[in-house]
Amino acid sequence: MTKVRGMRWWMVGLVTAGLIVNYLARNTLSVAAPTMMSELNITTQEYSYIVVAWQVCYALMQPIAGYVIDAVGTKIGFAMFALAWSVACACAAMATGWQSMALFRGMLGLTEAAGIPAGVKATTEWFPAKERSIAIGWFNIGSSIGALCAPPLVVWTILHGSWQMSFVIVGAIGIVWTGLWLAFYKHPRDQKLLSDKERDFILEGQEQSDANGVGVAPKARWHQIVRSRNFWAIAIPRFLSEPAWQTFNAWIPLYMATERHMNIKEIAMFAWLPFLAADIGCVLGGYLSPWFHKYWKVSLFTSRKLVVIVGAVCMIGPACIGLVASPYAAIALLCVGGFAHQTLSGALYSITSDVFGKNEVATATGLAGMSGYLGATIFTLVFGVLVTLVGYSPLFMLLAVFDLVAAAVVCILIREKIAPSVPLGKPAFG
């Protein structure tokens, strides 16, 4: 049988496609919001309730979804949730008011919660430790591409049909991806198209307990994870940093429409740019870690923390949005913010995969994700009330402060897991 060279990169591409679909589904609402709110007579405050419904359900479900994926396996677990979120997304077309839309978005949040835990687990299975930040950077780009694709796709659908049609189309795309995932994803031990050389490279570069079917450490329970110092070193920064990304996902189109007075066609032209910058942050952040490791002569683990600091400092950009009069300058600063968050976020995922084993990483990612989305939920509730009182600018400044504190917490609290079996030498990019 012919072997596929670089099979691990094809696998991360499949994961990336799943994240694209995941984020396309969640961002459909924000782009459709101006039209939907007008047709259904939904106020800004009621819209914030819809956003919160998704965030609360997503937050509460993340650790459960992570546990399910650890229990049933990456392939079946991810497919199960992907099919469910595709159906939930399509059902949003039946909404007749903010209450029913909040219900459907809550269903979407419950099912989409598996996306990031599954992605982190898949890259942990398919990549040695020294390449993991790069792989996570590439799969995390899916979250930005999904958000990037939403404005032109949804606006086109609205102009040529209705806002309801946009939810149905995105749901159908998710069902197609689920079929592809079931057809092509396998663990490296079971993938017949994987060469023996690449399989050895992957498995020998992982933590000893993860690499082989023998000697695998028992799966940690959730209460063991939450009692660990390293969990809180990740969960607290998640709580502080996630509000920025959720603000970008849920409020940028409305900000452009209400604060910068752009019409729907201008929103379609420019609303995707911050997410393009976020794509760059995903990829560049992944490569920054081995770059710091190689040229600054720091440990691979320390290099992850340096990337977190870079992302936090860049968040100062959108904090200055109130100082610019030009809507195009405002978009540029939002682009800096998109780059900043995804750089920081990808580094946190890499740190999670470093300090937790393959048998517990999805659960740990889900628990930390719950912390992040609880922070986002609280901020969204505050945002929906305060935006009409103080405007957007002070809230963007607050997001920058949160990210800077998050970086400080990571640097102070996180401790490296000693794993002598993992080679931390020069990264292999082939």
Protein backbone atom coordinates (compact mmCIF):
# COMPACT_ATOMS: atom_id res chain seq x y z
CA MET A 1 0.00 0.00 0.00
CA THR A 2 1.26 3.47 -0.96
CA LYS A 3 2.26 5.57 2.06
CA VAL A 4 1.35 9.25 2.31
CA ARG A 5 4.28 11.49 3.15
CA GLY A 6 3.67 13.95 5.99
CA MET A 7 0.44 12.21 6.99
CA ARG A 8 0.35 14.05 10.32
CA TRP A 9 -0.08 17.36 8.48
CA TRP A 10 -3.02 15.95 6.50
CA MET A 11 -4.60 14.99 9.82
CA VAL A 12 -4.16 18.46 11.28
CA GLY A 13 -5.71 19.81 8.07
CA LEU A 14 -8.78 17.65 8.70
CA VAL A 15 -8.99 18.98 12.27
CA THR A 16 -8.62 22.52 10.95
CA ALA A 17 -11.56 22.00 8.59
CA GLY A 18 -13.65 20.89 11.57
CA LEU A 19 -12.78 24.05 13.49
CA ILE A 20 -13.67 26.14 10.43
CA VAL A 21 -17.14 24.60 10.39
CA ASN A 22 -17.41 24.99 14.17
CA TYR A 23 -16.64 28.70 14.15
CA LEU A 24 -18.62 29.35 10.99
CA ALA A 25 -21.69 28.07 12.83
CA ARG A 26 -21.14 30.24 15.90
CA ASN A 27 -20.34 33.39 13.87
CA THR A 28 -23.33 33.12 11.60
CA LEU A 29 -25.43 34.81 14.27
CA SER A 30 -23.27 37.93 14.67
CA VAL A 31 -23.26 38.64 10.92
CA ALA A 32 -26.98 37.99 10.55
CA ALA A 33 -27.72 40.01 13.72
CA PRO A 34 -28.52 43.45 12.18
CA THR A 35 -31.03 41.92 9.73
CA MET A 36 -32.41 39.35 12.17
CA MET A 37 -32.82 41.90 14.98
CA SER A 38 -34.74 44.19 12.68
CA GLU A 39 -37.08 41.50 11.36
CA LEU A 40 -37.72 39.91 14.78
CA ASN A 41 -37.77 43.21 16.75
CA ILE A 42 -34.89 42.16 19.01
CA THR A 43 -33.19 44.85 21.13
CA THR A 44 -29.46 45.11 21.88
CA GLN A 45 -30.09 43.90 25.43
CA GLU A 46 -32.09 40.90 24.17
CA TYR A 47 -29.32 40.14 21.68
CA SER A 48 -26.86 39.98 24.56
CA TYR A 49 -29.15 37.36 26.18
CA ILE A 50 -28.94 35.27 23.00
CA VAL A 51 -25.14 35.49 23.04
CA VAL A 52 -25.06 34.61 26.74
CA ALA A 53 -27.28 31.55 26.18
CA TRP A 54 -24.68 30.13 23.81
CA GLN A 55 -21.77 31.07 26.10
CA VAL A 56 -23.29 29.57 29.26
CA CYS A 57 -24.14 26.28 27.55
CA TYR A 58 -20.75 26.16 25.86
CA ALA A 59 -18.95 26.85 29.14
CA LEU A 60 -20.84 24.25 31.17
CA MET A 61 -20.55 21.60 28.47
CA GLN A 62 -16.81 21.93 27.72
CA PRO A 63 -15.54 19.68 30.54
CA ILE A 64 -18.30 17.14 29.84
CA ALA A 65 -17.47 17.15 26.14
CA GLY A 66 -13.77 16.77 26.93
CA TYR A 67 -14.50 13.85 29.24
CA VAL A 68 -16.68 12.16 26.61
CA ILE A 69 -13.94 12.50 23.99
CA ASP A 70 -11.34 11.08 26.39
CA ALA A 71 -13.74 8.21 27.14
CA VAL A 72 -15.02 7.23 23.66
CA GLY A 73 -12.06 8.36 21.57
CA THR A 74 -11.28 11.28 19.31
CA LYS A 75 -12.86 9.89 16.14
CA ILE A 76 -16.30 8.93 17.42
CA GLY A 77 -16.51 11.72 20.00
CA PHE A 78 -15.74 14.55 17.58
CA ALA A 79 -18.09 13.16 14.91
CA MET A 80 -20.95 12.80 17.37
CA PHE A 81 -20.71 16.40 18.53
CA ALA A 82 -20.11 17.78 15.03
CA LEU A 83 -23.30 16.18 13.71
CA ALA A 84 -25.24 17.53 16.67
CA TRP A 85 -24.00 21.11 16.30
CA SER A 86 -24.76 21.05 12.56
CA VAL A 87 -28.37 20.12 13.26
CA ALA A 88 -28.63 22.74 16.05
CA CYS A 89 -27.27 25.44 13.72
CA ALA A 90 -29.84 24.62 11.03
CA CYS A 91 -32.65 24.66 13.61
CA ALA A 92 -31.93 28.35 14.34
CA ALA A 93 -33.71 29.14 11.07
CA MET A 94 -36.99 28.36 12.88
CA ALA A 95 -36.53 31.13 15.48
CA THR A 96 -39.41 33.59 15.81
CA GLY A 97 -38.10 35.83 18.61
CA TRP A 98 -35.18 36.27 20.97
CA GLN A 99 -36.37 33.50 23.30
CA SER A 100 -36.49 30.81 20.61
CA MET A 101 -33.21 32.01 19.12
CA ALA A 102 -31.63 31.84 22.59
CA LEU A 103 -32.91 28.24 22.90
CA PHE A 104 -31.38 27.16 19.59
CA ARG A 105 -28.12 28.97 20.32
CA GLY A 106 -27.99 27.24 23.70
CA MET A 107 -28.30 23.90 21.89
CA LEU A 108 -25.48 24.99 19.60
CA GLY A 109 -23.30 25.89 22.58
CA LEU A 110 -23.85 22.48 24.18
CA THR A 111 -22.74 20.66 21.05
CA GLU A 112 -19.95 22.98 19.83
CA ALA A 113 -18.16 22.66 23.16
CA ALA A 114 -16.28 19.61 21.89
CA GLY A 115 -14.43 21.44 19.12
CA ILE A 116 -11.32 22.69 20.92
CA PRO A 117 -10.90 19.70 23.30
CA ALA A 118 -11.12 17.34 20.32
CA GLY A 119 -8.65 19.42 18.32
CA VAL A 120 -6.10 19.52 21.13
CA LYS A 121 -6.48 15.78 21.73
CA ALA A 122 -6.06 14.98 18.03
CA THR A 123 -2.85 17.02 17.76
CA THR A 124 -1.58 15.42 20.97
CA GLU A 125 -2.12 12.01 19.34
CA TRP A 126 -0.59 12.92 16.01
CA PHE A 127 2.41 15.13 16.89
CA PRO A 128 5.57 14.87 18.96
CA ALA A 129 5.97 17.47 21.70
CA LYS A 130 8.47 19.59 19.78
CA GLU A 131 6.05 20.12 16.87
CA ARG A 132 2.89 20.44 18.92
CA SER A 133 2.76 24.24 19.13
CA ILE A 134 3.05 24.45 15.35
CA ALA A 135 0.31 21.86 14.85
CA ILE A 136 -1.98 23.58 17.35
CA GLY A 137 -1.30 26.89 15.62
CA TRP A 138 -2.40 25.41 12.32
CA PHE A 139 -5.55 23.75 13.64
CA ASN A 140 -6.44 26.84 15.69
CA ILE A 141 -6.38 28.82 12.45
CA GLY A 142 -9.68 27.11 11.73
CA SER A 143 -11.40 29.20 14.39
CA SER A 144 -10.31 32.38 12.63
CA ILE A 145 -11.02 31.12 9.10
CA GLY A 146 -14.53 30.16 10.18
CA ALA A 147 -15.07 33.64 11.60
CA LEU A 148 -13.45 35.12 8.47
CA CYS A 149 -15.74 33.22 6.09
CA ALA A 150 -18.92 34.07 7.98
CA PRO A 151 -19.39 37.72 6.86
CA PRO A 152 -19.23 37.21 3.07
CA LEU A 153 -21.16 33.91 3.16
CA VAL A 154 -23.93 35.11 5.45
CA VAL A 155 -24.29 38.52 3.77
CA TRP A 156 -24.46 36.85 0.34
CA THR A 157 -27.12 34.47 1.67
CA ILE A 158 -29.15 37.34 3.14
CA LEU A 159 -28.95 39.37 -0.09
CA HIS A 160 -29.95 36.39 -2.23
CA GLY A 161 -32.36 34.70 0.15
CA SER A 162 -32.84 35.28 3.88
CA TRP A 163 -31.00 35.22 7.18
CA GLN A 164 -32.73 31.89 7.90
CA MET A 165 -31.13 30.32 4.86
CA SER A 166 -27.64 31.15 6.17
CA PHE A 167 -28.15 28.92 9.24
CA VAL A 168 -29.40 26.03 7.09
CA ILE A 169 -26.46 26.23 4.66
CA VAL A 170 -23.88 26.31 7.47
CA GLY A 171 -25.57 23.33 9.14
CA ALA A 172 -25.38 21.37 5.88
CA ILE A 173 -21.66 22.12 5.56
CA GLY A 174 -21.14 20.68 9.06
CA ILE A 175 -22.88 17.43 8.13
CA VAL A 176 -20.59 17.02 5.10
CA TRP A 177 -17.49 17.51 7.25
CA THR A 178 -18.72 14.92 9.78
CA GLY A 179 -18.79 12.33 7.01
CA LEU A 180 -15.24 13.22 5.96
CA TRP A 181 -14.01 12.95 9.55
CA LEU A 182 -15.51 9.49 10.01
CA ALA A 183 -14.03 8.36 6.71
CA PHE A 184 -10.46 9.58 7.16
CA TYR A 185 -9.49 10.08 10.82
CA LYS A 186 -7.55 7.29 12.57
CA HIS A 187 -5.04 7.11 15.40
CA PRO A 188 -1.42 6.95 14.11
CA ARG A 189 -1.12 3.37 15.43
CA ASP A 190 -4.03 2.36 13.15
CA GLN A 191 -3.40 4.53 10.09
CA LYS A 192 -2.21 2.20 7.30
CA LEU A 193 -1.24 5.11 5.02
CA LEU A 194 1.32 6.28 7.60
CA SER A 195 4.93 5.27 6.96
CA ASP A 196 6.79 3.39 9.67
CA LYS A 197 9.38 6.18 9.80
CA GLU A 198 6.79 8.89 10.44
CA ARG A 199 4.90 6.71 12.93
CA ASP A 200 8.10 6.19 14.94
CA PHE A 201 8.87 9.92 14.74
CA ILE A 202 5.42 10.76 16.16
CA LEU A 203 5.26 8.14 18.90
CA GLU A 204 8.86 8.38 20.06
CA GLY A 205 8.58 12.15 20.39
CA GLN A 206 5.60 11.94 22.72
CA GLU A 207 5.52 11.53 26.47
CA GLN A 208 6.50 7.96 27.35
CA SER A 209 3.10 7.13 28.83
CA ASP A 210 1.40 8.36 25.64
CA ALA A 211 3.57 6.78 23.01
CA ASN A 212 2.73 3.10 23.34
CA GLY A 213 -0.17 0.99 24.15
CA VAL A 214 1.68 -0.42 27.17
CA GLY A 215 2.49 1.49 30.28
CA VAL A 216 -0.22 4.04 29.71
CA ALA A 217 -0.95 6.09 32.79
CA PRO A 218 -4.47 5.88 34.18
CA LYS A 219 -6.80 8.67 33.20
CA ALA A 220 -6.95 11.43 35.79
CA ARG A 221 -10.34 12.29 37.17
CA TRP A 222 -11.65 15.82 36.84
CA HIS A 223 -11.28 16.57 40.56
CA GLN A 224 -7.62 15.52 40.37
CA ILE A 225 -7.10 17.91 37.47
CA VAL A 226 -8.78 20.89 39.14
CA ARG A 227 -6.69 20.42 42.28
CA SER A 228 -3.46 20.84 40.34
CA ARG A 229 -1.53 24.10 40.26
CA ASN A 230 -1.03 23.86 36.51
CA PHE A 231 -4.75 23.68 35.86
CA TRP A 232 -5.36 27.02 37.56
CA ALA A 233 -2.33 28.48 35.80
CA ILE A 234 -4.28 27.82 32.59
CA ALA A 235 -7.88 28.25 33.77
CA ILE A 236 -7.41 31.75 35.24
CA PRO A 237 -5.79 33.13 32.06
CA ARG A 238 -8.61 31.51 30.08
CA PHE A 239 -11.16 33.28 32.27
CA LEU A 240 -9.42 36.61 31.67
CA SER A 241 -8.56 36.30 27.97
CA GLU A 242 -11.62 34.62 26.45
CA PRO A 243 -13.89 37.70 26.80
CA ALA A 244 -11.79 39.43 24.12
CA TRP A 245 -12.34 36.72 21.51
CA GLN A 246 -16.04 36.37 22.25
CA THR A 247 -16.45 40.14 22.04
CA PHE A 248 -14.83 40.06 18.61
CA ASN A 249 -17.01 37.16 17.45
CA ALA A 250 -20.32 38.53 18.74
CA TRP A 251 -19.99 42.32 18.53
CA ILE A 252 -17.71 43.42 15.68
CA PRO A 253 -20.47 43.56 13.01
CA LEU A 254 -22.76 45.47 15.40
CA TYR A 255 -19.88 47.78 16.38
CA MET A 256 -19.22 48.55 12.72
CA ALA A 257 -22.92 49.16 12.05
CA THR A 258 -23.78 51.27 15.11
CA GLU A 259 -20.52 52.94 16.13
CA ARG A 260 -18.84 53.36 12.72
CA HIS A 261 -22.10 53.61 10.69
CA MET A 262 -21.22 51.01 8.04
CA ASN A 263 -23.89 49.39 5.89
CA ILE A 264 -24.26 45.64 5.40
CA LYS A 265 -22.11 45.57 2.24
CA GLU A 266 -19.29 47.45 4.01
CA ILE A 267 -19.56 45.01 6.91
CA ALA A 268 -19.18 42.15 4.45
CA MET A 269 -16.08 43.86 3.00
CA PHE A 270 -14.30 44.62 6.29
CA ALA A 271 -15.68 42.51 9.16
CA TRP A 272 -13.57 39.53 8.13
CA LEU A 273 -10.23 41.37 8.32
CA PRO A 274 -9.72 41.01 12.12
CA PHE A 275 -10.18 37.29 11.70
CA LEU A 276 -7.65 37.18 8.86
CA ALA A 277 -5.21 38.82 11.27
CA ALA A 278 -6.24 36.21 13.82
CA ASP A 279 -5.27 33.50 11.30
CA ILE A 280 -1.81 35.03 11.10
CA GLY A 281 -1.66 35.03 14.89
CA CYS A 282 -2.54 31.33 15.02
CA VAL A 283 0.20 30.32 12.60
CA LEU A 284 2.89 32.81 13.60
CA GLY A 285 2.26 32.10 17.29
CA GLY A 286 2.85 28.42 16.62
CA TYR A 287 6.19 29.11 14.95
CA LEU A 288 7.23 31.71 17.51
CA SER A 289 7.63 29.08 20.21
CA PRO A 290 10.30 26.99 18.42
CA TRP A 291 11.88 30.26 17.19
CA PHE A 292 12.31 31.52 20.77
CA HIS A 293 13.53 28.05 21.72
CA LYS A 294 16.18 28.03 18.99
CA TYR A 295 17.43 31.62 18.91
CA TRP A 296 16.85 32.81 22.48
CA LYS A 297 18.22 29.55 23.89
CA VAL A 298 15.30 29.06 26.28
CA SER A 299 13.51 25.81 27.03
CA LEU A 300 10.59 24.84 24.83
CA PHE A 301 8.28 25.34 27.81
CA THR A 302 9.61 28.85 28.50
CA SER A 303 9.15 29.69 24.83
CA ARG A 304 5.41 28.98 25.19
CA LYS A 305 5.21 31.56 27.99
CA LEU A 306 7.04 34.15 25.88
CA VAL A 307 4.42 33.72 23.15
CA VAL A 308 1.68 34.37 25.74
CA ILE A 309 3.42 37.62 26.68
CA VAL A 310 3.68 38.70 23.03
CA GLY A 311 -0.07 38.16 22.56
CA ALA A 312 -0.98 40.06 25.73
CA VAL A 313 1.18 43.08 24.83
CA CYS A 314 -0.37 43.27 21.35
CA MET A 315 -3.84 43.61 22.95
CA ILE A 316 -2.88 47.19 23.78
CA GLY A 317 -3.72 47.90 20.12
CA PRO A 318 -7.53 47.58 20.31
CA ALA A 319 -7.45 49.34 23.69
CA CYS A 320 -6.60 52.49 21.70
CA ILE A 321 -9.64 52.21 19.39
CA GLY A 322 -11.37 55.17 21.02
CA LEU A 323 -8.46 57.42 20.02
CA VAL A 324 -9.01 57.05 16.26
CA ALA A 325 -11.71 58.77 14.22
CA SER A 326 -11.30 56.81 10.99
CA PRO A 327 -13.36 53.60 10.76
CA TYR A 328 -10.51 52.05 8.77
CA ALA A 329 -8.02 52.81 11.56
CA ALA A 330 -10.48 51.21 13.98
CA ILE A 331 -10.60 48.08 11.81
CA ALA A 332 -6.78 48.03 11.75
CA LEU A 333 -6.69 48.09 15.56
CA LEU A 334 -9.28 45.32 15.70
CA CYS A 335 -6.97 43.36 13.41
CA VAL A 336 -4.16 43.79 15.95
CA GLY A 337 -6.56 42.48 18.59
CA GLY A 338 -7.46 39.42 16.52
CA PHE A 339 -3.78 38.65 16.01
CA ALA A 340 -3.08 39.17 19.70
CA HIS A 341 -5.77 36.88 21.05
CA GLN A 342 -5.09 33.95 18.75
CA THR A 343 -1.36 34.17 19.43
CA LEU A 344 -2.04 34.03 23.17
CA SER A 345 -4.75 31.40 22.85
CA GLY A 346 -2.67 29.00 20.77
CA ALA A 347 0.19 29.24 23.28
CA LEU A 348 -2.19 28.34 26.11
CA TYR A 349 -3.38 25.25 24.19
CA SER A 350 0.25 24.22 23.67
CA ILE A 351 0.98 24.64 27.37
CA THR A 352 -2.08 22.52 28.19
CA SER A 353 -0.82 19.71 25.95
CA ASP A 354 2.61 20.01 27.61
CA VAL A 355 1.48 19.70 31.22
CA PHE A 356 -1.34 17.17 30.80
CA GLY A 357 -1.06 13.68 29.31
CA LYS A 358 -2.89 12.42 26.24
CA ASN A 359 -5.31 10.49 28.43
CA GLU A 360 -6.47 13.64 30.22
CA VAL A 361 -5.73 16.55 27.89
CA ALA A 362 -9.26 16.78 26.43
CA THR A 363 -10.80 16.85 29.90
CA ALA A 364 -8.28 19.46 31.09
CA THR A 365 -8.87 21.55 27.96
CA GLY A 366 -12.61 21.35 28.49
CA LEU A 367 -12.39 22.38 32.14
CA ALA A 368 -10.14 25.32 31.28
CA GLY A 369 -12.47 26.19 28.43
CA MET A 370 -15.39 26.26 30.86
CA SER A 371 -13.48 28.78 32.93
CA GLY A 372 -12.81 30.85 29.81
CA TYR A 373 -16.41 30.92 28.69
CA LEU A 374 -17.72 31.69 32.16
CA GLY A 375 -15.50 34.76 32.02
CA ALA A 376 -16.83 35.55 28.55
CA THR A 377 -20.43 35.12 29.74
CA ILE A 378 -20.00 37.50 32.67
CA PHE A 379 -18.31 40.06 30.45
CA THR A 380 -21.01 39.76 27.77
CA LEU A 381 -23.73 40.45 30.33
CA VAL A 382 -21.81 43.50 31.50
CA PHE A 383 -21.02 44.48 27.89
CA GLY A 384 -24.67 44.41 26.82
CA VAL A 385 -25.58 46.81 29.65
CA LEU A 386 -22.56 49.12 29.64
CA VAL A 387 -22.13 49.54 25.88
CA THR A 388 -25.20 51.80 25.82
CA LEU A 389 -23.91 53.78 28.82
CA VAL A 390 -20.16 54.22 28.26
CA GLY A 391 -19.66 53.07 24.66
CA TYR A 392 -17.27 50.51 23.23
CA SER A 393 -13.91 52.20 23.88
CA PRO A 394 -13.63 51.73 27.69
CA LEU A 395 -14.63 48.09 27.31
CA PHE A 396 -11.89 47.45 24.74
CA MET A 397 -9.40 48.99 27.18
CA LEU A 398 -10.62 46.63 29.89
CA LEU A 399 -10.05 43.63 27.61
CA ALA A 400 -6.40 44.64 27.19
CA VAL A 401 -5.93 44.83 30.96
CA PHE A 402 -7.44 41.36 31.32
CA ASP A 403 -4.97 39.87 28.82
CA LEU A 404 -1.96 41.49 30.48
CA VAL A 405 -3.01 40.09 33.86
CA ALA A 406 -3.56 36.68 32.21
CA ALA A 407 0.02 36.65 30.91
CA ALA A 408 1.33 37.52 34.37
CA VAL A 409 -0.63 34.63 35.92
CA VAL A 410 0.80 32.15 33.41
CA CYS A 411 4.37 33.25 34.07
CA ILE A 412 3.97 33.12 37.85
CA LEU A 413 1.93 29.93 38.34
CA ILE A 414 2.73 27.44 35.57
CA ARG A 415 5.23 24.64 36.28
CA GLU A 416 6.82 22.40 33.66
CA LYS A 417 6.01 18.68 33.72
CA ILE A 418 9.26 16.75 33.70
CA ALA A 419 9.30 14.26 30.86
CA PRO A 420 12.86 13.15 30.06
CA SER A 421 11.71 10.90 27.26
CA VAL A 422 10.50 13.83 25.15
CA PRO A 423 13.19 15.23 22.86
CA LEU A 424 13.18 19.00 23.06
CA GLY A 425 15.79 19.67 20.48
CA LYS A 426 15.54 21.42 17.13
CA PRO A 427 11.96 21.29 15.81
CA ALA A 428 11.31 19.15 12.78
CA PHE A 429 9.18 20.90 10.19
CA GLY A 430 9.16 18.15 7.56
